[in-house]
PDB file of N, CA and C in Angstrom:
ATOM      1  N   MET A   1      65.662 101.483 138.228  1.00  0.00           N
ATOM      2  CA  MET A   1      66.039 100.574 139.302  1.00  0.00           C
ATOM      3  C   MET A   1      65.099  99.369 139.237  1.00  0.00           C
ATOM      4  N   ASN A   2      65.687  98.189 139.132  1.00  0.00           N
ATOM      5  CA  ASN A   2      64.895  96.984 139.032  1.00  0.00           C
ATOM      6  C   ASN A   2      65.270  95.908 140.042  1.00  0.00           C
ATOM      7  N   TYR A   3      66.400  96.054 140.712  1.00  0.00           N
ATOM      8  CA  TYR A   3      66.911  94.976 141.545  1.00  0.00           C
ATOM      9  C   TYR A   3      67.230  95.427 142.963  1.00  0.00           C
ATOM     10  N   LEU A   4      66.958  94.521 143.907  1.00  0.00           N
ATOM     11  CA  LEU A   4      67.327  94.697 145.309  1.00  0.00           C
ATOM     12  C   LEU A   4      68.269  93.558 145.668  1.00  0.00           C
ATOM     13  N   LEU A   5      69.427  93.882 146.188  1.00  0.00           N
ATOM     14  CA  LEU A   5      70.384  92.861 146.608  1.00  0.00           C
ATOM     15  C   LEU A   5      70.016  92.346 147.986  1.00  0.00           C
ATOM     16  N   ASP A   6      70.068  91.028 148.176  1.00  0.00           N
ATOM     17  CA  ASP A   6      69.973  90.538 149.544  1.00  0.00           C
ATOM     18  C   ASP A   6      71.363  90.669 150.158  1.00  0.00           C
ATOM     19  N   THR A   7      71.475  90.372 151.431  1.00  0.00           N
ATOM     20  CA  THR A   7      72.740  90.591 152.143  1.00  0.00           C
ATOM     21  C   THR A   7      73.880  89.796 151.526  1.00  0.00           C
ATOM     22  N   ASN A   8      73.630  88.534 151.196  1.00  0.00           N
ATOM     23  CA  ASN A   8      74.690  87.700 150.635  1.00  0.00           C
ATOM     24  C   ASN A   8      75.153  88.218 149.274  1.00  0.00           C
ATOM     25  N   ALA A   9      74.215  88.628 148.430  1.00  0.00           N
ATOM     26  CA  ALA A   9      74.593  89.168 147.118  1.00  0.00           C
ATOM     27  C   ALA A   9      75.423  90.438 147.276  1.00  0.00           C
ATOM     28  N   TRP A  10      75.026  91.296 148.228  1.00  0.00           N
ATOM     29  CA  TRP A  10      75.788  92.523 148.478  1.00  0.00           C
ATOM     30  C   TRP A  10      77.188  92.193 148.992  1.00  0.00           C
ATOM     31  N   LEU A  11      77.268  91.236 149.904  1.00  0.00           N
ATOM     32  CA  LEU A  11      78.561  90.807 150.437  1.00  0.00           C
ATOM     33  C   LEU A  11      79.453  90.273 149.326  1.00  0.00           C
ATOM     34  N   GLN A  12      78.892  89.449 148.465  1.00  0.00           N
ATOM     35  CA  GLN A  12      79.683  88.902 147.359  1.00  0.00           C
ATOM     36  C   GLN A  12      80.157  90.006 146.418  1.00  0.00           C
ATOM     37  N   LEU A  13      79.293  90.948 146.101  1.00  0.00           N
ATOM     38  CA  LEU A  13      79.717  92.051 145.240  1.00  0.00           C
ATOM     39  C   LEU A  13      80.833  92.858 145.886  1.00  0.00           C
ATOM     40  N   GLY A  14      80.799  92.990 147.206  1.00  0.00           N
ATOM     41  CA  GLY A  14      81.809  93.772 147.916  1.00  0.00           C
ATOM     42  C   GLY A  14      83.110  93.050 148.173  1.00  0.00           C
ATOM     43  N   GLN A  15      83.079  91.725 148.224  1.00  0.00           N
ATOM     44  CA  GLN A  15      84.290  90.972 148.582  1.00  0.00           C
ATOM     45  C   GLN A  15      84.785  90.019 147.498  1.00  0.00           C
ATOM     46  N   ALA A  16      83.856  89.391 146.791  1.00  0.00           N
ATOM     47  CA  ALA A  16      84.254  88.380 145.805  1.00  0.00           C
ATOM     48  C   ALA A  16      83.247  88.355 144.660  1.00  0.00           C
ATOM     49  N   PRO A  17      83.236  89.402 143.836  1.00  0.00           N
ATOM     50  CA  PRO A  17      82.215  89.498 142.796  1.00  0.00           C
ATOM     51  C   PRO A  17      82.203  88.335 141.810  1.00  0.00           C
ATOM     52  N   THR A  18      83.331  87.681 141.626  1.00  0.00           N
ATOM     53  CA  THR A  18      83.362  86.561 140.672  1.00  0.00           C
ATOM     54  C   THR A  18      82.594  85.345 141.183  1.00  0.00           C
ATOM     55  N   GLN A  19      82.189  85.352 142.457  1.00  0.00           N
ATOM     56  CA  GLN A  19      81.357  84.266 142.972  1.00  0.00           C
ATOM     57  C   GLN A  19      79.925  84.373 142.459  1.00  0.00           C
ATOM     58  N   ILE A  20      79.554  85.542 141.999  1.00  0.00           N
ATOM     59  CA  ILE A  20      78.238  85.722 141.392  1.00  0.00           C
ATOM     60  C   ILE A  20      78.370  85.338 139.926  1.00  0.00           C
ATOM     61  N   PRO A  21      77.475  84.488 139.426  1.00  0.00           N
ATOM     62  CA  PRO A  21      77.582  84.062 138.025  1.00  0.00           C
ATOM     63  C   PRO A  21      77.658  85.251 137.064  1.00  0.00           C
ATOM     64  N   LEU A  22      78.434  85.086 136.020  1.00  0.00           N
ATOM     65  CA  LEU A  22      78.652  86.149 135.046  1.00  0.00           C
ATOM     66  C   LEU A  22      77.334  86.669 134.470  1.00  0.00           C
ATOM     67  N   ARG A  23      76.372  85.778 134.195  1.00  0.00           N
ATOM     68  CA  ARG A  23      75.086  86.205 133.631  1.00  0.00           C
ATOM     69  C   ARG A  23      74.375  87.178 134.575  1.00  0.00           C
ATOM     70  N   VAL A  24      74.482  86.950 135.890  1.00  0.00           N
ATOM     71  CA  VAL A  24      73.840  87.835 136.872  1.00  0.00           C
ATOM     72  C   VAL A  24      74.616  89.144 136.963  1.00  0.00           C
ATOM     73  N   ARG A  25      75.939  89.070 136.980  1.00  0.00           N
ATOM     74  CA  ARG A  25      76.745  90.298 137.029  1.00  0.00           C
ATOM     75  C   ARG A  25      76.465  91.191 135.835  1.00  0.00           C
ATOM     76  N   LYS A  26      76.300  90.594 134.654  1.00  0.00           N
ATOM     77  CA  LYS A  26      76.002  91.389 133.454  1.00  0.00           C
ATOM     78  C   LYS A  26      74.664  92.104 133.594  1.00  0.00           C
ATOM     79  N   ILE A  27      73.677  91.408 134.129  1.00  0.00           N
ATOM     80  CA  ILE A  27      72.365  92.029 134.347  1.00  0.00           C
ATOM     81  C   ILE A  27      72.497  93.201 135.311  1.00  0.00           C
ATOM     82  N   LEU A  28      73.210  92.990 136.410  1.00  0.00           N
ATOM     83  CA  LEU A  28      73.360  94.044 137.416  1.00  0.00           C
ATOM     84  C   LEU A  28      74.174  95.223 136.887  1.00  0.00           C
ATOM     85  N   LEU A  29      75.218  94.945 136.117  1.00  0.00           N
ATOM     86  CA  LEU A  29      76.042  96.022 135.565  1.00  0.00           C
ATOM     87  C   LEU A  29      75.272  96.875 134.567  1.00  0.00           C
ATOM     88  N   ALA A  30      74.258  96.301 133.936  1.00  0.00           N
ATOM     89  CA  ALA A  30      73.449  97.045 132.968  1.00  0.00           C
ATOM     90  C   ALA A  30      72.486  98.013 133.652  1.00  0.00           C
ATOM     91  N   GLU A  31      72.290  97.858 134.955  1.00  0.00           N
ATOM     92  CA  GLU A  31      71.366  98.716 135.701  1.00  0.00           C
ATOM     93  C   GLU A  31      72.049 100.021 136.105  1.00  0.00           C
ATOM     94  N   ASN A  32      71.288 101.109 136.068  1.00  0.00           N
ATOM     95  CA  ASN A  32      71.809 102.386 136.556  1.00  0.00           C
ATOM     96  C   ASN A  32      71.807 102.423 138.076  1.00  0.00           C
ATOM     97  N   THR A  33      70.790 101.814 138.675  1.00  0.00           N
ATOM     98  CA  THR A  33      70.655 101.830 140.125  1.00  0.00           C
ATOM     99  C   THR A  33      70.242 100.458 140.613  1.00  0.00           C
ATOM    100  N   ILE A  34      70.895 100.014 141.643  1.00  0.00           N
ATOM    101  CA  ILE A  34      70.562  98.774 142.337  1.00  0.00           C
ATOM    102  C   ILE A  34      70.285  99.184 143.776  1.00  0.00           C
ATOM    103  N   ALA A  35      69.349  98.509 144.420  1.00  0.00           N
ATOM    104  CA  ALA A  35      68.941  98.913 145.760  1.00  0.00           C
ATOM    105  C   ALA A  35      69.406  97.933 146.831  1.00  0.00           C
ATOM    106  N   LEU A  36      69.373  98.418 148.075  1.00  0.00           N
ATOM    107  CA  LEU A  36      69.769  97.640 149.240  1.00  0.00           C
ATOM    108  C   LEU A  36      68.899  98.062 150.416  1.00  0.00           C
ATOM    109  N   SER A  37      68.520  97.096 151.236  1.00  0.00           N
ATOM    110  CA  SER A  37      67.811  97.398 152.473  1.00  0.00           C
ATOM    111  C   SER A  37      68.835  97.669 153.577  1.00  0.00           C
ATOM    112  N   PRO A  38      68.577  98.619 154.467  1.00  0.00           N
ATOM    113  CA  PRO A  38      69.517  98.887 155.555  1.00  0.00           C
ATOM    114  C   PRO A  38      69.694  97.697 156.503  1.00  0.00           C
ATOM    115  N   ILE A  39      68.750  96.762 156.507  1.00  0.00           N
ATOM    116  CA  ILE A  39      68.895  95.576 157.355  1.00  0.00           C
ATOM    117  C   ILE A  39      70.127  94.768 156.938  1.00  0.00           C
ATOM    118  N   SER A  40      70.540  94.888 155.680  1.00  0.00           N
ATOM    119  CA  SER A  40      71.737  94.176 155.216  1.00  0.00           C
ATOM    120  C   SER A  40      72.995  94.686 155.917  1.00  0.00           C
ATOM    121  N   ILE A  41      73.057  95.977 156.190  1.00  0.00           N
ATOM    122  CA  ILE A  41      74.205  96.530 156.922  1.00  0.00           C
ATOM    123  C   ILE A  41      74.226  95.953 158.332  1.00  0.00           C
ATOM    124  N   ILE A  42      73.053  95.862 158.936  1.00  0.00           N
ATOM    125  CA  ILE A  42      72.953  95.291 160.288  1.00  0.00           C
ATOM    126  C   ILE A  42      73.387  93.831 160.282  1.00  0.00           C
ATOM    127  N   GLU A  43      72.959  93.072 159.276  1.00  0.00           N
ATOM    128  CA  GLU A  43      73.361  91.661 159.200  1.00  0.00           C
ATOM    129  C   GLU A  43      74.872  91.503 159.061  1.00  0.00           C
ATOM    130  N   ILE A  44      75.493  92.323 158.222  1.00  0.00           N
ATOM    131  CA  ILE A  44      76.947  92.270 158.047  1.00  0.00           C
ATOM    132  C   ILE A  44      77.638  92.621 159.364  1.00  0.00           C
ATOM    133  N   ALA A  45      77.183  93.667 160.029  1.00  0.00           N
ATOM    134  CA  ALA A  45      77.780  94.077 161.307  1.00  0.00           C
ATOM    135  C   ALA A  45      77.637  92.972 162.350  1.00  0.00           C
ATOM    136  N   GLN A  46      76.477  92.346 162.401  1.00  0.00           N
ATOM    137  CA  GLN A  46      76.236  91.266 163.361  1.00  0.00           C
ATOM    138  C   GLN A  46      77.166  90.082 163.102  1.00  0.00           C
ATOM    139  N   LYS A  47      77.255  89.655 161.852  1.00  0.00           N
ATOM    140  CA  LYS A  47      78.108  88.508 161.510  1.00  0.00           C
ATOM    141  C   LYS A  47      79.583  88.809 161.783  1.00  0.00           C
ATOM    142  N   GLN A  48      79.986  90.030 161.478  1.00  0.00           N
ATOM    143  CA  GLN A  48      81.383  90.413 161.716  1.00  0.00           C
ATOM    144  C   GLN A  48      81.672  90.488 163.213  1.00  0.00           C
ATOM    145  N   SER A  49      80.739  91.024 163.996  1.00  0.00           N
ATOM    146  CA  SER A  49      80.983  91.194 165.430  1.00  0.00           C
ATOM    147  C   SER A  49      81.014  89.873 166.190  1.00  0.00           C
ATOM    148  N   ASN A  50      80.275  88.876 165.710  1.00  0.00           N
ATOM    149  CA  ASN A  50      80.304  87.594 166.416  1.00  0.00           C
ATOM    150  C   ASN A  50      81.285  86.595 165.804  1.00  0.00           C
ATOM    151  N   GLY A  51      82.138  87.071 164.893  1.00  0.00           N
ATOM    152  CA  GLY A  51      83.211  86.245 164.357  1.00  0.00           C
ATOM    153  C   GLY A  51      82.812  85.302 163.238  1.00  0.00           C
ATOM    154  N   ARG A  52      81.586  85.416 162.724  1.00  0.00           N
ATOM    155  CA  ARG A  52      81.151  84.532 161.635  1.00  0.00           C
ATOM    156  C   ARG A  52      81.504  85.077 160.256  1.00  0.00           C
ATOM    157  N   LEU A  53      82.104  86.270 160.225  1.00  0.00           N
ATOM    158  CA  LEU A  53      82.447  86.893 158.955  1.00  0.00           C
ATOM    159  C   LEU A  53      83.712  87.712 159.120  1.00  0.00           C
ATOM    160  N   THR A  54      84.637  87.522 158.201  1.00  0.00           N
ATOM    161  CA  THR A  54      85.843  88.341 158.155  1.00  0.00           C
ATOM    162  C   THR A  54      85.739  89.226 156.923  1.00  0.00           C
ATOM    163  N   LEU A  55      85.795  90.506 157.147  1.00  0.00           N
ATOM    164  CA  LEU A  55      85.706  91.466 156.054  1.00  0.00           C
ATOM    165  C   LEU A  55      87.099  91.844 155.568  1.00  0.00           C
ATOM    166  N   SER A  56      87.171  92.359 154.361  1.00  0.00           N
ATOM    167  CA  SER A  56      88.449  92.742 153.765  1.00  0.00           C
ATOM    168  C   SER A  56      88.960  94.082 154.293  1.00  0.00           C
ATOM    169  N   ALA A  57      88.182  94.732 155.149  1.00  0.00           N
ATOM    170  CA  ALA A  57      88.549  96.020 155.750  1.00  0.00           C
ATOM    171  C   ALA A  57      87.752  96.162 157.041  1.00  0.00           C
ATOM    172  N   PRO A  58      88.118  97.117 157.909  1.00  0.00           N
ATOM    173  CA  PRO A  58      87.285  97.366 159.094  1.00  0.00           C
ATOM    174  C   PRO A  58      85.840  97.638 158.671  1.00  0.00           C
ATOM    175  N   LEU A  59      84.901  97.303 159.545  1.00  0.00           N
ATOM    176  CA  LEU A  59      83.480  97.338 159.217  1.00  0.00           C
ATOM    177  C   LEU A  59      83.034  98.641 158.554  1.00  0.00           C
ATOM    178  N   GLU A  60      83.274  99.783 159.189  1.00  0.00           N
ATOM    179  CA  GLU A  60      82.802 101.056 158.640  1.00  0.00           C
ATOM    180  C   GLU A  60      83.415 101.333 157.275  1.00  0.00           C
ATOM    181  N   GLU A  61      84.687 101.007 157.115  1.00  0.00           N
ATOM    182  CA  GLU A  61      85.362 101.218 155.836  1.00  0.00           C
ATOM    183  C   GLU A  61      84.777 100.288 154.771  1.00  0.00           C
ATOM    184  N   TRP A  62      84.551  99.016 155.143  1.00  0.00           N
ATOM    185  CA  TRP A  62      83.994  98.049 154.200  1.00  0.00           C
ATOM    186  C   TRP A  62      82.609  98.507 153.749  1.00  0.00           C
ATOM    187  N   VAL A  63      81.759  98.901 154.691  1.00  0.00           N
ATOM    188  CA  VAL A  63      80.404  99.348 154.359  1.00  0.00           C
ATOM    189  C   VAL A  63      80.467 100.568 153.451  1.00  0.00           C
ATOM    190  N   SER A  64      81.329 101.523 153.777  1.00  0.00           N
ATOM    191  CA  SER A  64      81.453 102.733 152.968  1.00  0.00           C
ATOM    192  C   SER A  64      81.815 102.394 151.521  1.00  0.00           C
ATOM    193  N   LYS A  65      82.765 101.485 151.335  1.00  0.00           N
ATOM    194  CA  LYS A  65      83.172 101.079 149.982  1.00  0.00           C
ATOM    195  C   LYS A  65      82.094 100.250 149.304  1.00  0.00           C
ATOM    196  N   ALA A  66      81.414  99.398 150.076  1.00  0.00           N
ATOM    197  CA  ALA A  66      80.405  98.503 149.498  1.00  0.00           C
ATOM    198  C   ALA A  66      79.124  99.247 149.130  1.00  0.00           C
ATOM    199  N   LEU A  67      78.930 100.451 149.642  1.00  0.00           N
ATOM    200  CA  LEU A  67      77.809 101.289 149.230  1.00  0.00           C
ATOM    201  C   LEU A  67      78.258 102.093 148.005  1.00  0.00           C
ATOM    202  N   PHE A  68      78.564 101.364 146.938  1.00  0.00           N
ATOM    203  CA  PHE A  68      79.142 101.931 145.724  1.00  0.00           C
ATOM    204  C   PHE A  68      78.151 102.862 145.017  1.00  0.00           C
ATOM    205  N   ASP A  69      78.703 103.705 144.135  1.00  0.00           N
ATOM    206  CA  ASP A  69      77.847 104.590 143.329  1.00  0.00           C
ATOM    207  C   ASP A  69      76.853 103.739 142.561  1.00  0.00           C
ATOM    208  N   GLY A  70      75.627 104.168 142.562  1.00  0.00           N
ATOM    209  CA  GLY A  70      74.584 103.424 141.878  1.00  0.00           C
ATOM    210  C   GLY A  70      73.836 102.468 142.787  1.00  0.00           C
ATOM    211  N   LEU A  71      74.301 102.307 144.022  1.00  0.00           N
ATOM    212  CA  LEU A  71      73.598 101.464 144.997  1.00  0.00           C
ATOM    213  C   LEU A  71      72.761 102.392 145.875  1.00  0.00           C
ATOM    214  N   LYS A  72      71.449 102.226 145.791  1.00  0.00           N
ATOM    215  CA  LYS A  72      70.549 103.096 146.534  1.00  0.00           C
ATOM    216  C   LYS A  72      70.091 102.401 147.807  1.00  0.00           C
ATOM    217  N   LEU A  73      70.322 103.025 148.936  1.00  0.00           N
ATOM    218  CA  LEU A  73      69.875 102.508 150.221  1.00  0.00           C
ATOM    219  C   LEU A  73      68.427 102.949 150.426  1.00  0.00           C
ATOM    220  N   LEU A  74      67.526 101.970 150.472  1.00  0.00           N
ATOM    221  CA  LEU A  74      66.102 102.261 150.604  1.00  0.00           C
ATOM    222  C   LEU A  74      65.711 102.351 152.073  1.00  0.00           C
ATOM    223  N   PRO A  75      64.711 103.132 152.401  1.00  0.00           N
ATOM    224  CA  PRO A  75      64.292 103.254 153.801  1.00  0.00           C
ATOM    225  C   PRO A  75      63.514 102.029 154.269  1.00  0.00           C
ATOM    226  N   LEU A  76      63.574 101.784 155.560  1.00  0.00           N
ATOM    227  CA  LEU A  76      62.730 100.772 156.190  1.00  0.00           C
ATOM    228  C   LEU A  76      61.502 101.522 156.688  1.00  0.00           C
ATOM    229  N   THR A  77      60.393 101.349 155.992  1.00  0.00           N
ATOM    230  CA  THR A  77      59.170 102.103 156.278  1.00  0.00           C
ATOM    231  C   THR A  77      58.194 101.264 157.111  1.00  0.00           C
ATOM    232  N   PRO A  78      57.194 101.910 157.700  1.00  0.00           N
ATOM    233  CA  PRO A  78      56.158 101.144 158.403  1.00  0.00           C
ATOM    234  C   PRO A  78      55.463 100.136 157.485  1.00  0.00           C
ATOM    235  N   GLU A  79      55.243 100.513 156.231  1.00  0.00           N
ATOM    236  CA  GLU A  79      54.623  99.605 155.262  1.00  0.00           C
ATOM    237  C   GLU A  79      55.465  98.334 155.096  1.00  0.00           C
ATOM    238  N   ILE A  80      56.752  98.499 154.972  1.00  0.00           N
ATOM    239  CA  ILE A  80      57.651  97.356 154.810  1.00  0.00           C
ATOM    240  C   ILE A  80      57.661  96.511 156.077  1.00  0.00           C
ATOM    241  N   ALA A  81      57.748  97.163 157.225  1.00  0.00           N
ATOM    242  CA  ALA A  81      57.769  96.429 158.497  1.00  0.00           C
ATOM    243  C   ALA A  81      56.507  95.587 158.665  1.00  0.00           C
ATOM    244  N   CYS A  82      55.369  96.135 158.323  1.00  0.00           N
ATOM    245  CA  CYS A  82      54.106  95.388 158.448  1.00  0.00           C
ATOM    246  C   CYS A  82      54.013  94.273 157.418  1.00  0.00           C
ATOM    247  N   ASP A  83      54.415  94.563 156.183  1.00  0.00           N
ATOM    248  CA  ASP A  83      54.324  93.552 155.126  1.00  0.00           C
ATOM    249  C   ASP A  83      55.265  92.378 155.387  1.00  0.00           C
ATOM    250  N   ALA A  84      56.354  92.622 156.088  1.00  0.00           N
ATOM    251  CA  ALA A  84      57.318  91.547 156.368  1.00  0.00           C
ATOM    252  C   ALA A  84      56.664  90.360 157.061  1.00  0.00           C
ATOM    253  N   TYR A  85      55.622  90.616 157.816  1.00  0.00           N
ATOM    254  CA  TYR A  85      54.942  89.527 158.523  1.00  0.00           C
ATOM    255  C   TYR A  85      53.551  89.237 157.968  1.00  0.00           C
ATOM    256  N   ARG A  86      53.228  89.810 156.835  1.00  0.00           N
ATOM    257  CA  ARG A  86      51.998  89.475 156.113  1.00  0.00           C
ATOM    258  C   ARG A  86      52.254  88.430 155.038  1.00  0.00           C
ATOM    259  N   ILE A  87      53.495  88.262 154.639  1.00  0.00           N
ATOM    260  CA  ILE A  87      53.814  87.323 153.568  1.00  0.00           C
ATOM    261  C   ILE A  87      53.510  85.914 154.068  1.00  0.00           C
ATOM    262  N   PRO A  88      52.572  85.217 153.421  1.00  0.00           N
ATOM    263  CA  PRO A  88      52.170  83.894 153.920  1.00  0.00           C
ATOM    264  C   PRO A  88      53.221  82.812 153.684  1.00  0.00           C
ATOM    265  N   ASP A  89      53.260  81.847 154.605  1.00  0.00           N
ATOM    266  CA  ASP A  89      54.148  80.675 154.458  1.00  0.00           C
ATOM    267  C   ASP A  89      55.541  81.084 154.018  1.00  0.00           C
ATOM    268  N   PHE A  90      56.153  81.955 154.804  1.00  0.00           N
ATOM    269  CA  PHE A  90      57.409  82.542 154.349  1.00  0.00           C
ATOM    270  C   PHE A  90      58.543  82.278 155.317  1.00  0.00           C
ATOM    271  N   HIS A  91      59.692  82.666 154.899  1.00  0.00           N
ATOM    272  CA  HIS A  91      60.968  82.555 155.589  1.00  0.00           C
ATOM    273  C   HIS A  91      60.849  82.993 157.055  1.00  0.00           C
ATOM    274  N   GLY A  92      61.503  82.279 157.968  1.00  0.00           N
ATOM    275  CA  GLY A  92      61.474  82.633 159.379  1.00  0.00           C
ATOM    276  C   GLY A  92      62.440  83.730 159.773  1.00  0.00           C
ATOM    277  N   ASP A  93      63.477  83.963 158.989  1.00  0.00           N
ATOM    278  CA  ASP A  93      64.503  84.955 159.312  1.00  0.00           C
ATOM    279  C   ASP A  93      63.927  86.371 159.174  1.00  0.00           C
ATOM    280  N   PRO A  94      63.909  87.145 160.271  1.00  0.00           N
ATOM    281  CA  PRO A  94      63.345  88.503 160.204  1.00  0.00           C
ATOM    282  C   PRO A  94      64.028  89.392 159.160  1.00  0.00           C
ATOM    283  N   ALA A  95      65.334  89.284 159.011  1.00  0.00           N
ATOM    284  CA  ALA A  95      66.034  90.117 158.022  1.00  0.00           C
ATOM    285  C   ALA A  95      65.589  89.757 156.610  1.00  0.00           C
ATOM    286  N   ASP A  96      65.455  88.468 156.333  1.00  0.00           N
ATOM    287  CA  ASP A  96      65.000  88.059 155.003  1.00  0.00           C
ATOM    288  C   ASP A  96      63.567  88.507 154.748  1.00  0.00           C
ATOM    289  N   ARG A  97      62.749  88.514 155.781  1.00  0.00           N
ATOM    290  CA  ARG A  97      61.377  89.008 155.643  1.00  0.00           C
ATOM    291  C   ARG A  97      61.382  90.497 155.283  1.00  0.00           C
ATOM    292  N   ILE A  98      62.232  91.264 155.954  1.00  0.00           N
ATOM    293  CA  ILE A  98      62.322  92.702 155.677  1.00  0.00           C
ATOM    294  C   ILE A  98      62.848  92.944 154.271  1.00  0.00           C
ATOM    295  N   ILE A  99      63.852  92.195 153.864  1.00  0.00           N
ATOM    296  CA  ILE A  99      64.416  92.340 152.521  1.00  0.00           C
ATOM    297  C   ILE A  99      63.362  92.006 151.470  1.00  0.00           C
ATOM    298  N   ALA A 100      62.644  90.907 151.657  1.00  0.00           N
ATOM    299  CA  ALA A 100      61.596  90.522 150.706  1.00  0.00           C
ATOM    300  C   ALA A 100      60.487  91.564 150.667  1.00  0.00           C
ATOM    301  N   ALA A 101      60.080  92.065 151.824  1.00  0.00           N
ATOM    302  CA  ALA A 101      59.029  93.087 151.880  1.00  0.00           C
ATOM    303  C   ALA A 101      59.490  94.383 151.215  1.00  0.00           C
ATOM    304  N   THR A 102      60.773  94.696 151.325  1.00  0.00           N
ATOM    305  CA  THR A 102      61.322  95.877 150.653  1.00  0.00           C
ATOM    306  C   THR A 102      61.233  95.706 149.142  1.00  0.00           C
ATOM    307  N   ALA A 103      61.593  94.524 148.663  1.00  0.00           N
ATOM    308  CA  ALA A 103      61.492  94.248 147.220  1.00  0.00           C
ATOM    309  C   ALA A 103      60.045  94.387 146.756  1.00  0.00           C
ATOM    310  N   ARG A 104      59.124  93.852 147.546  1.00  0.00           N
ATOM    311  CA  ARG A 104      57.699  93.929 147.194  1.00  0.00           C
ATOM    312  C   ARG A 104      57.205  95.372 147.184  1.00  0.00           C
ATOM    313  N   ALA A 105      57.573  96.144 148.191  1.00  0.00           N
ATOM    314  CA  ALA A 105      57.099  97.529 148.308  1.00  0.00           C
ATOM    315  C   ALA A 105      57.564  98.394 147.140  1.00  0.00           C
ATOM    316  N   HIS A 106      58.763  98.102 146.638  1.00  0.00           N
ATOM    317  CA  HIS A 106      59.338  98.911 145.557  1.00  0.00           C
ATOM    318  C   HIS A 106      59.244  98.218 144.200  1.00  0.00           C
ATOM    319  N   GLN A 107      58.555  97.076 144.169  1.00  0.00           N
ATOM    320  CA  GLN A 107      58.388  96.292 142.939  1.00  0.00           C
ATOM    321  C   GLN A 107      59.728  95.991 142.274  1.00  0.00           C
ATOM    322  N   LEU A 108      60.650  95.468 143.095  1.00  0.00           N
ATOM    323  CA  LEU A 108      61.989  95.121 142.631  1.00  0.00           C
ATOM    324  C   LEU A 108      62.164  93.607 142.606  1.00  0.00           C
ATOM    325  N   THR A 109      63.077  93.149 141.783  1.00  0.00           N
ATOM    326  CA  THR A 109      63.466  91.750 141.749  1.00  0.00           C
ATOM    327  C   THR A 109      64.571  91.564 142.777  1.00  0.00           C
ATOM    328  N   LEU A 110      64.411  90.582 143.647  1.00  0.00           N
ATOM    329  CA  LEU A 110      65.381  90.309 144.703  1.00  0.00           C
ATOM    330  C   LEU A 110      66.494  89.415 144.174  1.00  0.00           C
ATOM    331  N   VAL A 111      67.730  89.877 144.300  1.00  0.00           N
ATOM    332  CA  VAL A 111      68.904  89.111 143.879  1.00  0.00           C
ATOM    333  C   VAL A 111      69.368  88.305 145.079  1.00  0.00           C
ATOM    334  N   THR A 112      69.308  86.963 144.968  1.00  0.00           N
ATOM    335  CA  THR A 112      69.570  86.106 146.122  1.00  0.00           C
ATOM    336  C   THR A 112      70.010  84.708 145.696  1.00  0.00           C
ATOM    337  N   CYS A 113      70.659  84.015 146.630  1.00  0.00           N
ATOM    338  CA  CYS A 113      70.951  82.592 146.447  1.00  0.00           C
ATOM    339  C   CYS A 113      70.148  81.759 147.440  1.00  0.00           C
ATOM    340  N   ASP A 114      69.337  82.416 148.263  1.00  0.00           N
ATOM    341  CA  ASP A 114      68.561  81.745 149.304  1.00  0.00           C
ATOM    342  C   ASP A 114      67.435  80.919 148.679  1.00  0.00           C
ATOM    343  N   ARG A 115      67.497  79.606 148.864  1.00  0.00           N
ATOM    344  CA  ARG A 115      66.519  78.701 148.246  1.00  0.00           C
ATOM    345  C   ARG A 115      65.082  79.002 148.688  1.00  0.00           C
ATOM    346  N   LYS A 116      64.902  79.360 149.961  1.00  0.00           N
ATOM    347  CA  LYS A 116      63.558  79.664 150.455  1.00  0.00           C
ATOM    348  C   LYS A 116      62.988  80.904 149.766  1.00  0.00           C
ATOM    349  N   LEU A 117      63.829  81.903 149.568  1.00  0.00           N
ATOM    350  CA  LEU A 117      63.371  83.117 148.889  1.00  0.00           C
ATOM    351  C   LEU A 117      63.085  82.833 147.417  1.00  0.00           C
ATOM    352  N   ILE A 118      63.963  82.088 146.780  1.00  0.00           N
ATOM    353  CA  ILE A 118      63.787  81.754 145.365  1.00  0.00           C
ATOM    354  C   ILE A 118      62.496  80.954 145.162  1.00  0.00           C
ATOM    355  N   ALA A 119      62.192  80.070 146.100  1.00  0.00           N
ATOM    356  CA  ALA A 119      61.006  79.215 145.978  1.00  0.00           C
ATOM    357  C   ALA A 119      59.702  79.939 146.274  1.00  0.00           C
ATOM    358  N   SER A 120      59.763  81.091 146.898  1.00  0.00           N
ATOM    359  CA  SER A 120      58.542  81.792 147.288  1.00  0.00           C
ATOM    360  C   SER A 120      57.832  82.400 146.077  1.00  0.00           C
ATOM    361  N   PRO A 121      56.533  82.179 145.977  1.00  0.00           N
ATOM    362  CA  PRO A 121      55.765  82.832 144.904  1.00  0.00           C
ATOM    363  C   PRO A 121      55.418  84.281 145.245  1.00  0.00           C
ATOM    364  N   HIS A 122      55.816  84.736 146.418  1.00  0.00           N
ATOM    365  CA  HIS A 122      55.412  86.062 146.899  1.00  0.00           C
ATOM    366  C   HIS A 122      56.446  87.157 146.642  1.00  0.00           C
ATOM    367  N   VAL A 123      57.592  86.773 146.085  1.00  0.00           N
ATOM    368  CA  VAL A 123      58.624  87.762 145.762  1.00  0.00           C
ATOM    369  C   VAL A 123      59.334  87.313 144.484  1.00  0.00           C
ATOM    370  N   LYS A 124      59.530  88.251 143.575  1.00  0.00           N
ATOM    371  CA  LYS A 124      60.226  87.958 142.328  1.00  0.00           C
ATOM    372  C   LYS A 124      61.720  87.929 142.612  1.00  0.00           C
ATOM    373  N   THR A 125      62.419  86.908 142.111  1.00  0.00           N
ATOM    374  CA  THR A 125      63.841  86.766 142.412  1.00  0.00           C
ATOM    375  C   THR A 125      64.680  86.554 141.161  1.00  0.00           C
ATOM    376  N   LEU A 126      65.952  86.867 141.301  1.00  0.00           N
ATOM    377  CA  LEU A 126      67.000  86.546 140.342  1.00  0.00           C
ATOM    378  C   LEU A 126      68.031  85.749 141.115  1.00  0.00           C
ATOM    379  N   SER A 127      68.189  84.493 140.749  1.00  0.00           N
ATOM    380  CA  SER A 127      69.075  83.592 141.500  1.00  0.00           C
ATOM    381  C   SER A 127      70.536  83.830 141.179  1.00  0.00           C
ATOM    382  N   THR A 128      71.371  83.825 142.212  1.00  0.00           N
ATOM    383  CA  THR A 128      72.821  83.912 142.035  1.00  0.00           C
ATOM    384  C   THR A 128      73.461  82.523 142.145  1.00  0.00           C
ATOM    385  N   ARG A 129      72.655  81.488 142.092  1.00  0.00           N
ATOM    386  CA  ARG A 129      73.163  80.103 142.144  1.00  0.00           C
ATOM    387  C   ARG A 129      73.696  79.676 140.804  1.00  0.00           C
TER     388      ARG A 129
END
């Protein structure tokens, strides 16, 4: 396992995988296991509930399908929660902080299109731009 998907990358894989560049999809397909933070499920549920996101299926069904074989859901640990706010000069979004701290705790490369995350020297990233 080498990669952690951020929420947007997971959403794209679940709804429109061709939006992720082919070079990134090839890298991800070569992996036996890709990881996800549970905060991503919360973000999807929040966006769907407030009308900012339309899913291709009801929420629970979409999440069940999007948690595909080979996608490992990592725990949100006290270490991750604390590290999320130790990262200096970092993203203000709490979910992005948790996702980045999860990548750091497990020494994973974060798959993201978020410019702030990509620009950070504190987390290794693979850009989906």
